[in-house]
Amino acid sequence: MQTLDVNGLRLAYREWGGGDTTVLFIHGNLASKEWIELAAPHFPRGVRTVAVDWRGCGDSDKPAPAADFSNYSIAQHADDMIAALDGLGISFCHLATHSTGGIISTRMILKQPERFGRVFSLSPVGPQGIDFPPEKTAFFGQMKESRDLTRQIMAATAPSLFVDETLFKGPARFIPDAGPRAALFDRIVDQVWAVSDGIWFGTPDTLTKEAKSGELKGKMATIHHPHLVVWGMRDGVIKEADMVEMAAVMPDCRFVAVPGIGHSMNLEAPELYAGYFGAWFGGL
């Protein structure tokens, strides 16, 4: 396992490939660098991909959360990722994001716009944030207390990997040809069980704060970095309307809706994910 000393913590990372084009992958909430493990072997030659676990996730350190979750804010995650790039000696790169990684990338771009190029956002939390009402925030606590519930909810983020009726009645059962995707999914669920309370409860808190402040949403029109936003039409986490708004307001943003896929194309259809990744970053 490779690690970096970042902002007083040890952050874990992985690399795939090599070349003159560098892409930083920023995972989503309750996730890790492993989410592109099956896709990365299909990325184009000449691209170096680096994935860093957030603080509190995967193999990174998991500090106790502050009372206001300030040490798990979106701004803090963005600062961690920028510091990780410093530690790796990466002065310029492109960004690939998933889910909450999208809004982290927005803060990174606004902080150091000259440091980043293209952005490939899979089902991102956009600059709009997400407003979690109290009952939805409480649901994260229920997940934390039940491994079975956590697995069932995680399955709903990757619905094409499971027999449809088992997504509603449970327990979720893999489709017959899930193959290596099933093993990766089960390993990812094990990782979710180990994340910090700063992730379980801090992420919905900070995303709600971002949504209510409206700060990043108000800056969308100033973000000129080319964005490719890809969203699965079975996604029950991210609203299509937010993706459409990003494409309409941001100066250079393309939106693609993909049928048959949920929130997690990088798990559900890793070769398809790699195809979009390669089309966006290959040949740069």
C-alpha atoms as a PDB file:
ATOM      1  CA  MET A   1       0.000   0.000   0.000  1.00  0.00           C
ATOM      2  CA  GLN A   2       1.324   3.442  -0.966  1.00  0.00           C
ATOM      3  CA  THR A   3       0.779   6.352   1.412  1.00  0.00           C
ATOM      4  CA  LEU A   4       1.372  10.088   1.659  1.00  0.00           C
ATOM      5  CA  ASP A   5       1.710  12.350   4.688  1.00  0.00           C
ATOM      6  CA  VAL A   6      -0.928  15.006   4.102  1.00  0.00           C
ATOM      7  CA  ASN A   7      -2.151  17.688   6.522  1.00  0.00           C
ATOM      8  CA  GLY A   8      -1.029  15.683   9.531  1.00  0.00           C
ATOM      9  CA  LEU A   9      -2.572  12.437   8.283  1.00  0.00           C
ATOM     10  CA  ARG A  10      -1.560   9.425   6.246  1.00  0.00           C
ATOM     11  CA  LEU A  11      -3.570   9.117   3.031  1.00  0.00           C
ATOM     12  CA  ALA A  12      -3.449   5.926   0.960  1.00  0.00           C
ATOM     13  CA  TYR A  13      -3.283   5.952  -2.821  1.00  0.00           C
ATOM     14  CA  ARG A  14      -2.924   3.722  -5.890  1.00  0.00           C
ATOM     15  CA  GLU A  15      -1.580   4.330  -9.384  1.00  0.00           C
ATOM     16  CA  TRP A  16      -2.310   2.729 -12.737  1.00  0.00           C
ATOM     17  CA  GLY A  17      -0.540   3.285 -16.035  1.00  0.00           C
ATOM     18  CA  GLY A  18       1.992   5.922 -16.914  1.00  0.00           C
ATOM     19  CA  GLY A  19       2.631   8.682 -19.400  1.00  0.00           C
ATOM     20  CA  ASP A  20       2.513  12.405 -19.948  1.00  0.00           C
ATOM     21  CA  THR A  21      -1.208  12.739 -19.102  1.00  0.00           C
ATOM     22  CA  THR A  22      -2.079  12.497 -15.409  1.00  0.00           C
ATOM     23  CA  VAL A  23      -5.605  12.043 -14.040  1.00  0.00           C
ATOM     24  CA  LEU A  24      -6.550  12.212 -10.370  1.00  0.00           C
ATOM     25  CA  PHE A  25      -9.568  10.054  -9.487  1.00  0.00           C
ATOM     26  CA  ILE A  26     -11.652  11.384  -6.592  1.00  0.00           C
ATOM     27  CA  HIS A  27     -14.085   8.813  -5.209  1.00  0.00           C
ATOM     28  CA  GLY A  28     -17.447   9.411  -3.600  1.00  0.00           C
ATOM     29  CA  ASN A  29     -18.903   9.085  -0.112  1.00  0.00           C
ATOM     30  CA  LEU A  30     -18.599   5.733   1.693  1.00  0.00           C
ATOM     31  CA  ALA A  31     -16.200   4.754  -1.091  1.00  0.00           C
ATOM     32  CA  SER A  32     -12.490   4.353  -1.863  1.00  0.00           C
ATOM     33  CA  LYS A  33      -9.813   4.306  -4.543  1.00  0.00           C
ATOM     34  CA  GLU A  34     -10.780   0.689  -5.322  1.00  0.00           C
ATOM     35  CA  TRP A  35     -13.933   1.735  -7.163  1.00  0.00           C
ATOM     36  CA  ILE A  36     -11.981   2.007 -10.447  1.00  0.00           C
ATOM     37  CA  GLU A  37      -9.960  -1.167  -9.917  1.00  0.00           C
ATOM     38  CA  LEU A  38     -11.741  -3.123 -12.687  1.00  0.00           C
ATOM     39  CA  ALA A  39     -11.942  -0.151 -15.046  1.00  0.00           C
ATOM     40  CA  ALA A  40      -8.337   1.057 -14.784  1.00  0.00           C
ATOM     41  CA  PRO A  41      -6.757  -1.813 -16.785  1.00  0.00           C
ATOM     42  CA  HIS A  42      -8.845  -0.615 -19.754  1.00  0.00           C
ATOM     43  CA  PHE A  43      -7.746   3.018 -19.571  1.00  0.00           C
ATOM     44  CA  PRO A  44      -5.765   4.257 -22.599  1.00  0.00           C
ATOM     45  CA  ARG A  45      -2.003   4.001 -22.829  1.00  0.00           C
ATOM     46  CA  GLY A  46      -0.105   7.140 -22.016  1.00  0.00           C
ATOM     47  CA  VAL A  47      -2.365   8.027 -19.077  1.00  0.00           C
ATOM     48  CA  ARG A  48      -1.202   7.887 -15.465  1.00  0.00           C
ATOM     49  CA  THR A  49      -4.154   7.564 -13.112  1.00  0.00           C
ATOM     50  CA  VAL A  50      -3.804   8.282  -9.394  1.00  0.00           C
ATOM     51  CA  ALA A  51      -6.563   7.552  -6.868  1.00  0.00           C
ATOM     52  CA  VAL A  52      -6.370   8.799  -3.270  1.00  0.00           C
ATOM     53  CA  ASP A  53      -8.576   7.647  -0.392  1.00  0.00           C
ATOM     54  CA  TRP A  54     -10.261  10.519   1.437  1.00  0.00           C
ATOM     55  CA  ARG A  55      -9.455  10.952   5.107  1.00  0.00           C
ATOM     56  CA  GLY A  56     -11.816   8.597   6.936  1.00  0.00           C
ATOM     57  CA  CYS A  57     -12.154   6.204   3.991  1.00  0.00           C
ATOM     58  CA  GLY A  58     -10.447   3.141   2.575  1.00  0.00           C
ATOM     59  CA  ASP A  59      -6.891   2.690   3.840  1.00  0.00           C
ATOM     60  CA  SER A  60      -6.389   6.321   4.876  1.00  0.00           C
ATOM     61  CA  ASP A  61      -6.248   7.536   8.462  1.00  0.00           C
ATOM     62  CA  LYS A  62      -9.588   8.041  10.174  1.00  0.00           C
ATOM     63  CA  PRO A  63      -9.375  10.944  12.634  1.00  0.00           C
ATOM     64  CA  ALA A  64     -12.210  11.516  15.085  1.00  0.00           C
ATOM     65  CA  PRO A  65     -14.648  14.102  13.712  1.00  0.00           C
ATOM     66  CA  ALA A  66     -14.909  17.569  15.221  1.00  0.00           C
ATOM     67  CA  ALA A  67     -18.277  18.420  16.763  1.00  0.00           C
ATOM     68  CA  ASP A  68     -19.186  20.503  13.692  1.00  0.00           C
ATOM     69  CA  PHE A  69     -17.532  18.052  11.251  1.00  0.00           C
ATOM     70  CA  SER A  70     -15.257  20.857  10.061  1.00  0.00           C
ATOM     71  CA  ASN A  71     -12.361  18.416   9.643  1.00  0.00           C
ATOM     72  CA  TYR A  72     -14.523  16.405   7.232  1.00  0.00           C
ATOM     73  CA  SER A  73     -15.899  19.308   5.198  1.00  0.00           C
ATOM     74  CA  ILE A  74     -15.869  19.375   1.399  1.00  0.00           C
ATOM     75  CA  ALA A  75     -13.283  22.156   1.626  1.00  0.00           C
ATOM     76  CA  GLN A  76     -11.077  19.970   3.842  1.00  0.00           C
ATOM     77  CA  HIS A  77     -11.272  17.038   1.409  1.00  0.00           C
ATOM     78  CA  ALA A  78     -10.370  19.419  -1.425  1.00  0.00           C
ATOM     79  CA  ASP A  79      -7.378  20.714   0.540  1.00  0.00           C
ATOM     80  CA  ASP A  80      -6.302  17.120   1.216  1.00  0.00           C
ATOM     81  CA  MET A  81      -6.409  16.235  -2.480  1.00  0.00           C
ATOM     82  CA  ILE A  82      -4.409  19.330  -3.438  1.00  0.00           C
ATOM     83  CA  ALA A  83      -1.849  18.520  -0.741  1.00  0.00           C
ATOM     84  CA  ALA A  84      -1.657  14.934  -2.041  1.00  0.00           C
ATOM     85  CA  LEU A  85      -0.848  16.277  -5.507  1.00  0.00           C
ATOM     86  CA  ASP A  86       1.877  18.426  -3.925  1.00  0.00           C
ATOM     87  CA  GLY A  87       3.280  15.364  -2.195  1.00  0.00           C
ATOM     88  CA  LEU A  88       3.323  13.423  -5.452  1.00  0.00           C
ATOM     89  CA  GLY A  89       4.977  16.282  -7.311  1.00  0.00           C
ATOM     90  CA  ILE A  90       2.032  16.688  -9.694  1.00  0.00           C
ATOM     91  CA  SER A  91       1.803  20.327 -10.730  1.00  0.00           C
ATOM     92  CA  PHE A  92      -0.955  19.851 -13.343  1.00  0.00           C
ATOM     93  CA  CYS A  93      -3.522  17.119 -13.932  1.00  0.00           C
ATOM     94  CA  HIS A  94      -7.013  16.298 -15.118  1.00  0.00           C
ATOM     95  CA  LEU A  95      -9.762  15.063 -12.810  1.00  0.00           C
ATOM     96  CA  ALA A  96     -12.086  12.055 -12.844  1.00  0.00           C
ATOM     97  CA  THR A  97     -14.734  12.102 -10.138  1.00  0.00           C
ATOM     98  CA  HIS A  98     -17.607  10.034  -8.824  1.00  0.00           C
ATOM     99  CA  SER A  99     -20.568  11.225  -6.758  1.00  0.00           C
ATOM    100  CA  THR A 100     -19.388  13.485  -3.889  1.00  0.00           C
ATOM    101  CA  GLY A 101     -15.995  13.595  -5.569  1.00  0.00           C
ATOM    102  CA  GLY A 102     -17.649  15.978  -8.024  1.00  0.00           C
ATOM    103  CA  ILE A 103     -18.236  18.774  -5.536  1.00  0.00           C
ATOM    104  CA  ILE A 104     -14.778  18.204  -4.049  1.00  0.00           C
ATOM    105  CA  SER A 105     -13.325  18.796  -7.517  1.00  0.00           C
ATOM    106  CA  THR A 106     -15.349  22.013  -7.823  1.00  0.00           C
ATOM    107  CA  ARG A 107     -13.687  23.413  -4.707  1.00  0.00           C
ATOM    108  CA  MET A 108     -10.266  22.299  -5.985  1.00  0.00           C
ATOM    109  CA  ILE A 109     -10.791  24.004  -9.336  1.00  0.00           C
ATOM    110  CA  LEU A 110     -11.998  27.244  -7.763  1.00  0.00           C
ATOM    111  CA  LYS A 111      -9.029  27.279  -5.397  1.00  0.00           C
ATOM    112  CA  GLN A 112      -6.332  26.542  -8.004  1.00  0.00           C
ATOM    113  CA  PRO A 113      -7.907  26.876 -11.465  1.00  0.00           C
ATOM    114  CA  GLU A 114      -4.607  26.860 -13.343  1.00  0.00           C
ATOM    115  CA  ARG A 115      -3.667  23.481 -11.906  1.00  0.00           C
ATOM    116  CA  PHE A 116      -6.443  21.449 -13.539  1.00  0.00           C
ATOM    117  CA  GLY A 117      -7.560  20.628 -17.045  1.00  0.00           C
ATOM    118  CA  ARG A 118     -10.460  18.443 -18.095  1.00  0.00           C
ATOM    119  CA  VAL A 119     -12.977  16.885 -15.721  1.00  0.00           C
ATOM    120  CA  PHE A 120     -14.859  13.606 -16.203  1.00  0.00           C
ATOM    121  CA  SER A 121     -17.679  13.514 -13.650  1.00  0.00           C
ATOM    122  CA  LEU A 122     -19.644  10.309 -13.126  1.00  0.00           C
ATOM    123  CA  SER A 123     -23.022  10.942 -11.465  1.00  0.00           C
ATOM    124  CA  PRO A 124     -21.540  13.882  -9.572  1.00  0.00           C
ATOM    125  CA  VAL A 125     -22.805  15.851  -6.639  1.00  0.00           C
ATOM    126  CA  GLY A 126     -22.754  19.112  -8.527  1.00  0.00           C
ATOM    127  CA  PRO A 127     -21.987  22.582  -7.214  1.00  0.00           C
ATOM    128  CA  GLN A 128     -25.605  22.623  -6.018  1.00  0.00           C
ATOM    129  CA  GLY A 129     -24.791  20.245  -3.149  1.00  0.00           C
ATOM    130  CA  ILE A 130     -27.477  17.994  -1.645  1.00  0.00           C
ATOM    131  CA  ASP A 131     -29.863  19.061   1.110  1.00  0.00           C
ATOM    132  CA  PHE A 132     -30.369  16.100   3.453  1.00  0.00           C
ATOM    133  CA  PRO A 133     -33.436  16.510   5.682  1.00  0.00           C
ATOM    134  CA  PRO A 134     -33.100  15.162   9.237  1.00  0.00           C
ATOM    135  CA  GLU A 135     -34.838  11.870   8.455  1.00  0.00           C
ATOM    136  CA  LYS A 136     -32.408  11.115   5.634  1.00  0.00           C
ATOM    137  CA  THR A 137     -29.421  12.046   7.778  1.00  0.00           C
ATOM    138  CA  ALA A 138     -30.720   9.696  10.467  1.00  0.00           C
ATOM    139  CA  PHE A 139     -30.832   6.912   7.886  1.00  0.00           C
ATOM    140  CA  PHE A 140     -27.032   6.936   7.730  1.00  0.00           C
ATOM    141  CA  GLY A 141     -27.059   6.059  11.413  1.00  0.00           C
ATOM    142  CA  GLN A 142     -29.365   3.128  10.713  1.00  0.00           C
ATOM    143  CA  MET A 143     -27.004   1.913   8.013  1.00  0.00           C
ATOM    144  CA  LYS A 144     -24.049   2.160  10.381  1.00  0.00           C
ATOM    145  CA  GLU A 145     -25.844  -0.149  12.821  1.00  0.00           C
ATOM    146  CA  SER A 146     -26.793  -2.793  10.256  1.00  0.00           C
ATOM    147  CA  ARG A 147     -24.429  -4.480   7.846  1.00  0.00           C
ATOM    148  CA  ASP A 148     -27.369  -6.036   5.979  1.00  0.00           C
ATOM    149  CA  LEU A 149     -29.023  -2.649   5.491  1.00  0.00           C
ATOM    150  CA  THR A 150     -25.710  -1.137   4.363  1.00  0.00           C
ATOM    151  CA  ARG A 151     -25.245  -3.886   1.759  1.00  0.00           C
ATOM    152  CA  GLN A 152     -28.826  -3.450   0.526  1.00  0.00           C
ATOM    153  CA  ILE A 153     -28.432   0.324   0.137  1.00  0.00           C
ATOM    154  CA  MET A 154     -25.079  -0.078  -1.574  1.00  0.00           C
ATOM    155  CA  ALA A 155     -26.686  -2.555  -3.975  1.00  0.00           C
ATOM    156  CA  ALA A 156     -29.249   0.089  -4.894  1.00  0.00           C
ATOM    157  CA  THR A 157     -26.394   2.346  -6.055  1.00  0.00           C
ATOM    158  CA  ALA A 158     -25.294  -0.372  -8.521  1.00  0.00           C
ATOM    159  CA  PRO A 159     -28.669  -1.834  -9.565  1.00  0.00           C
ATOM    160  CA  SER A 160     -27.593  -3.445 -12.835  1.00  0.00           C
ATOM    161  CA  LEU A 161     -25.408  -5.887 -10.855  1.00  0.00           C
ATOM    162  CA  PHE A 162     -28.423  -7.359  -9.060  1.00  0.00           C
ATOM    163  CA  VAL A 163     -31.625  -9.241  -9.822  1.00  0.00           C
ATOM    164  CA  ASP A 164     -34.246  -6.496  -9.891  1.00  0.00           C
ATOM    165  CA  GLU A 165     -36.789  -7.946  -7.481  1.00  0.00           C
ATOM    166  CA  THR A 166     -34.115  -8.542  -4.822  1.00  0.00           C
ATOM    167  CA  LEU A 167     -33.295  -4.826  -4.771  1.00  0.00           C
ATOM    168  CA  PHE A 168     -36.739  -4.184  -3.269  1.00  0.00           C
ATOM    169  CA  LYS A 169     -37.368  -7.294  -1.166  1.00  0.00           C
ATOM    170  CA  GLY A 170     -33.782  -8.181  -0.226  1.00  0.00           C
ATOM    171  CA  PRO A 171     -31.343  -9.581   0.315  1.00  0.00           C
ATOM    172  CA  ALA A 172     -29.878  -8.268  -2.939  1.00  0.00           C
ATOM    173  CA  ARG A 173     -28.725 -11.138  -5.173  1.00  0.00           C
ATOM    174  CA  PHE A 174     -26.147 -10.768  -7.934  1.00  0.00           C
ATOM    175  CA  ILE A 175     -27.091 -11.407 -11.542  1.00  0.00           C
ATOM    176  CA  PRO A 176     -25.555 -14.655 -12.883  1.00  0.00           C
ATOM    177  CA  ASP A 177     -22.808 -12.953 -14.888  1.00  0.00           C
ATOM    178  CA  ALA A 178     -21.689 -10.452 -12.238  1.00  0.00           C
ATOM    179  CA  GLY A 179     -18.271 -12.178 -12.187  1.00  0.00           C
ATOM    180  CA  PRO A 180     -15.382 -10.146 -10.719  1.00  0.00           C
ATOM    181  CA  ARG A 181     -17.740  -7.215 -10.156  1.00  0.00           C
ATOM    182  CA  ALA A 182     -19.462  -9.226  -7.412  1.00  0.00           C
ATOM    183  CA  ALA A 183     -16.192  -9.862  -5.574  1.00  0.00           C
ATOM    184  CA  LEU A 184     -15.235  -6.185  -5.812  1.00  0.00           C
ATOM    185  CA  PHE A 185     -18.664  -5.111  -4.583  1.00  0.00           C
ATOM    186  CA  ASP A 186     -18.425  -7.363  -1.518  1.00  0.00           C
ATOM    187  CA  ARG A 187     -14.939  -6.041  -0.745  1.00  0.00           C
ATOM    188  CA  ILE A 188     -16.216  -2.486  -1.053  1.00  0.00           C
ATOM    189  CA  VAL A 189     -19.036  -3.206   1.397  1.00  0.00           C
ATOM    190  CA  ASP A 190     -16.401  -4.446   3.865  1.00  0.00           C
ATOM    191  CA  GLN A 191     -14.568  -1.131   3.443  1.00  0.00           C
ATOM    192  CA  VAL A 192     -17.755   0.867   4.014  1.00  0.00           C
ATOM    193  CA  TRP A 193     -18.181  -0.837   7.363  1.00  0.00           C
ATOM    194  CA  ALA A 194     -14.837   0.606   8.477  1.00  0.00           C
ATOM    195  CA  VAL A 195     -15.234   4.300   7.527  1.00  0.00           C
ATOM    196  CA  SER A 196     -15.030   7.067  10.113  1.00  0.00           C
ATOM    197  CA  ASP A 197     -18.054   8.670  11.758  1.00  0.00           C
ATOM    198  CA  GLY A 198     -16.806  11.794  10.027  1.00  0.00           C
ATOM    199  CA  ILE A 199     -17.885  10.109   6.805  1.00  0.00           C
ATOM    200  CA  TRP A 200     -21.105   8.471   8.010  1.00  0.00           C
ATOM    201  CA  PHE A 201     -22.427  11.681   9.527  1.00  0.00           C
ATOM    202  CA  GLY A 202     -20.049  14.391   8.341  1.00  0.00           C
ATOM    203  CA  THR A 203     -20.685  13.987   4.620  1.00  0.00           C
ATOM    204  CA  PRO A 204     -24.471  14.527   4.721  1.00  0.00           C
ATOM    205  CA  ASP A 205     -23.867  17.438   7.091  1.00  0.00           C
ATOM    206  CA  THR A 206     -21.327  19.176   4.845  1.00  0.00           C
ATOM    207  CA  LEU A 207     -23.300  18.513   1.647  1.00  0.00           C
ATOM    208  CA  THR A 208     -26.347  20.093   3.276  1.00  0.00           C
ATOM    209  CA  LYS A 209     -24.278  23.107   4.297  1.00  0.00           C
ATOM    210  CA  GLU A 210     -23.012  23.446   0.711  1.00  0.00           C
ATOM    211  CA  ALA A 211     -26.569  23.278  -0.639  1.00  0.00           C
ATOM    212  CA  LYS A 212     -27.943  25.823   1.804  1.00  0.00           C
ATOM    213  CA  SER A 213     -25.104  28.302   1.306  1.00  0.00           C
ATOM    214  CA  GLY A 214     -25.527  28.355  -2.474  1.00  0.00           C
ATOM    215  CA  GLU A 215     -21.915  29.532  -2.769  1.00  0.00           C
ATOM    216  CA  LEU A 216     -20.693  27.000  -5.330  1.00  0.00           C
ATOM    217  CA  LYS A 217     -23.934  27.005  -7.284  1.00  0.00           C
ATOM    218  CA  GLY A 218     -23.532  30.755  -7.690  1.00  0.00           C
ATOM    219  CA  LYS A 219     -20.089  30.234  -9.216  1.00  0.00           C
ATOM    220  CA  MET A 220     -21.034  27.606 -11.811  1.00  0.00           C
ATOM    221  CA  ALA A 221     -20.970  30.066 -14.677  1.00  0.00           C
ATOM    222  CA  THR A 222     -17.355  30.954 -13.853  1.00  0.00           C
ATOM    223  CA  ILE A 223     -16.029  27.384 -14.211  1.00  0.00           C
ATOM    224  CA  HIS A 224     -14.583  27.188 -17.718  1.00  0.00           C
ATOM    225  CA  HIS A 225     -12.801  23.840 -17.379  1.00  0.00           C
ATOM    226  CA  PRO A 226     -14.220  21.325 -19.883  1.00  0.00           C
ATOM    227  CA  HIS A 227     -16.556  18.895 -18.112  1.00  0.00           C
ATOM    228  CA  LEU A 228     -18.035  15.616 -19.291  1.00  0.00           C
ATOM    229  CA  VAL A 229     -20.925  14.668 -16.984  1.00  0.00           C
ATOM    230  CA  VAL A 230     -22.128  11.077 -17.346  1.00  0.00           C
ATOM    231  CA  TRP A 231     -25.202   9.949 -15.409  1.00  0.00           C
ATOM    232  CA  GLY A 232     -26.899   6.553 -15.242  1.00  0.00           C
ATOM    233  CA  MET A 233     -30.619   6.683 -15.907  1.00  0.00           C
ATOM    234  CA  ARG A 234     -31.253   4.257 -13.007  1.00  0.00           C
ATOM    235  CA  ASP A 235     -29.447   6.548 -10.577  1.00  0.00           C
ATOM    236  CA  GLY A 236     -31.528   7.008  -7.437  1.00  0.00           C
ATOM    237  CA  VAL A 237     -28.959   9.212  -5.697  1.00  0.00           C
ATOM    238  CA  ILE A 238     -28.330  12.149  -8.049  1.00  0.00           C
ATOM    239  CA  LYS A 239     -31.133  14.135  -9.671  1.00  0.00           C
ATOM    240  CA  GLU A 240     -31.043  14.436 -13.445  1.00  0.00           C
ATOM    241  CA  ALA A 241     -32.200  18.044 -13.110  1.00  0.00           C
ATOM    242  CA  ASP A 242     -28.935  18.945 -11.385  1.00  0.00           C
ATOM    243  CA  MET A 243     -26.937  17.436 -14.255  1.00  0.00           C
ATOM    244  CA  VAL A 244     -29.014  19.315 -16.820  1.00  0.00           C
ATOM    245  CA  GLU A 245     -28.470  22.539 -14.893  1.00  0.00           C
ATOM    246  CA  MET A 246     -24.704  21.990 -14.841  1.00  0.00           C
ATOM    247  CA  ALA A 247     -24.676  21.509 -18.604  1.00  0.00           C
ATOM    248  CA  ALA A 248     -26.822  24.606 -19.139  1.00  0.00           C
ATOM    249  CA  VAL A 249     -24.965  26.978 -16.803  1.00  0.00           C
ATOM    250  CA  MET A 250     -21.324  25.920 -16.999  1.00  0.00           C
ATOM    251  CA  PRO A 251     -19.602  27.334 -20.101  1.00  0.00           C
ATOM    252  CA  ASP A 252     -18.054  24.053 -21.333  1.00  0.00           C
ATOM    253  CA  CYS A 253     -20.049  21.133 -19.955  1.00  0.00           C
ATOM    254  CA  ARG A 254     -21.479  18.149 -21.847  1.00  0.00           C
ATOM    255  CA  PHE A 255     -24.126  15.869 -20.335  1.00  0.00           C
ATOM    256  CA  VAL A 256     -24.705  12.224 -21.289  1.00  0.00           C
ATOM    257  CA  ALA A 257     -27.493  10.052 -19.824  1.00  0.00           C
ATOM    258  CA  VAL A 258     -26.792   6.317 -20.046  1.00  0.00           C
ATOM    259  CA  PRO A 259     -29.698   3.826 -19.994  1.00  0.00           C
ATOM    260  CA  GLY A 260     -29.617   0.692 -17.872  1.00  0.00           C
ATOM    261  CA  ILE A 261     -26.963   1.968 -15.454  1.00  0.00           C
ATOM    262  CA  GLY A 262     -27.365   3.268 -11.905  1.00  0.00           C
ATOM    263  CA  HIS A 263     -25.197   5.515  -9.777  1.00  0.00           C
ATOM    264  CA  SER A 264     -22.003   3.489 -10.125  1.00  0.00           C
ATOM    265  CA  MET A 265     -20.949   2.787 -13.702  1.00  0.00           C
ATOM    266  CA  ASN A 266     -17.372   2.274 -12.518  1.00  0.00           C
ATOM    267  CA  LEU A 267     -18.628  -0.820 -10.630  1.00  0.00           C
ATOM    268  CA  GLU A 268     -21.576  -1.823 -12.813  1.00  0.00           C
ATOM    269  CA  ALA A 269     -19.946  -1.532 -16.234  1.00  0.00           C
ATOM    270  CA  PRO A 270     -16.211  -0.902 -15.758  1.00  0.00           C
ATOM    271  CA  GLU A 271     -15.323  -1.328 -19.428  1.00  0.00           C
ATOM    272  CA  LEU A 272     -18.019   1.158 -20.429  1.00  0.00           C
ATOM    273  CA  TYR A 273     -16.707   3.565 -17.801  1.00  0.00           C
ATOM    274  CA  ALA A 274     -13.212   3.106 -19.221  1.00  0.00           C
ATOM    275  CA  GLY A 275     -14.583   3.906 -22.666  1.00  0.00           C
ATOM    276  CA  TYR A 276     -15.864   7.300 -21.552  1.00  0.00           C
ATOM    277  CA  PHE A 277     -12.649   7.877 -19.601  1.00  0.00           C
ATOM    278  CA  GLY A 278     -10.533   7.073 -22.657  1.00  0.00           C
ATOM    279  CA  ALA A 279     -12.616   9.181 -25.006  1.00  0.00           C
ATOM    280  CA  TRP A 280     -12.207  12.182 -22.682  1.00  0.00           C
ATOM    281  CA  PHE A 281      -8.558  11.810 -21.710  1.00  0.00           C
ATOM    282  CA  GLY A 282      -6.952   9.669 -24.395  1.00  0.00           C
ATOM    283  CA  GLY A 283      -4.771  11.483 -26.884  1.00  0.00           C
ATOM    284  CA  LEU A 284      -4.275  14.607 -24.754  1.00  0.00           C
END
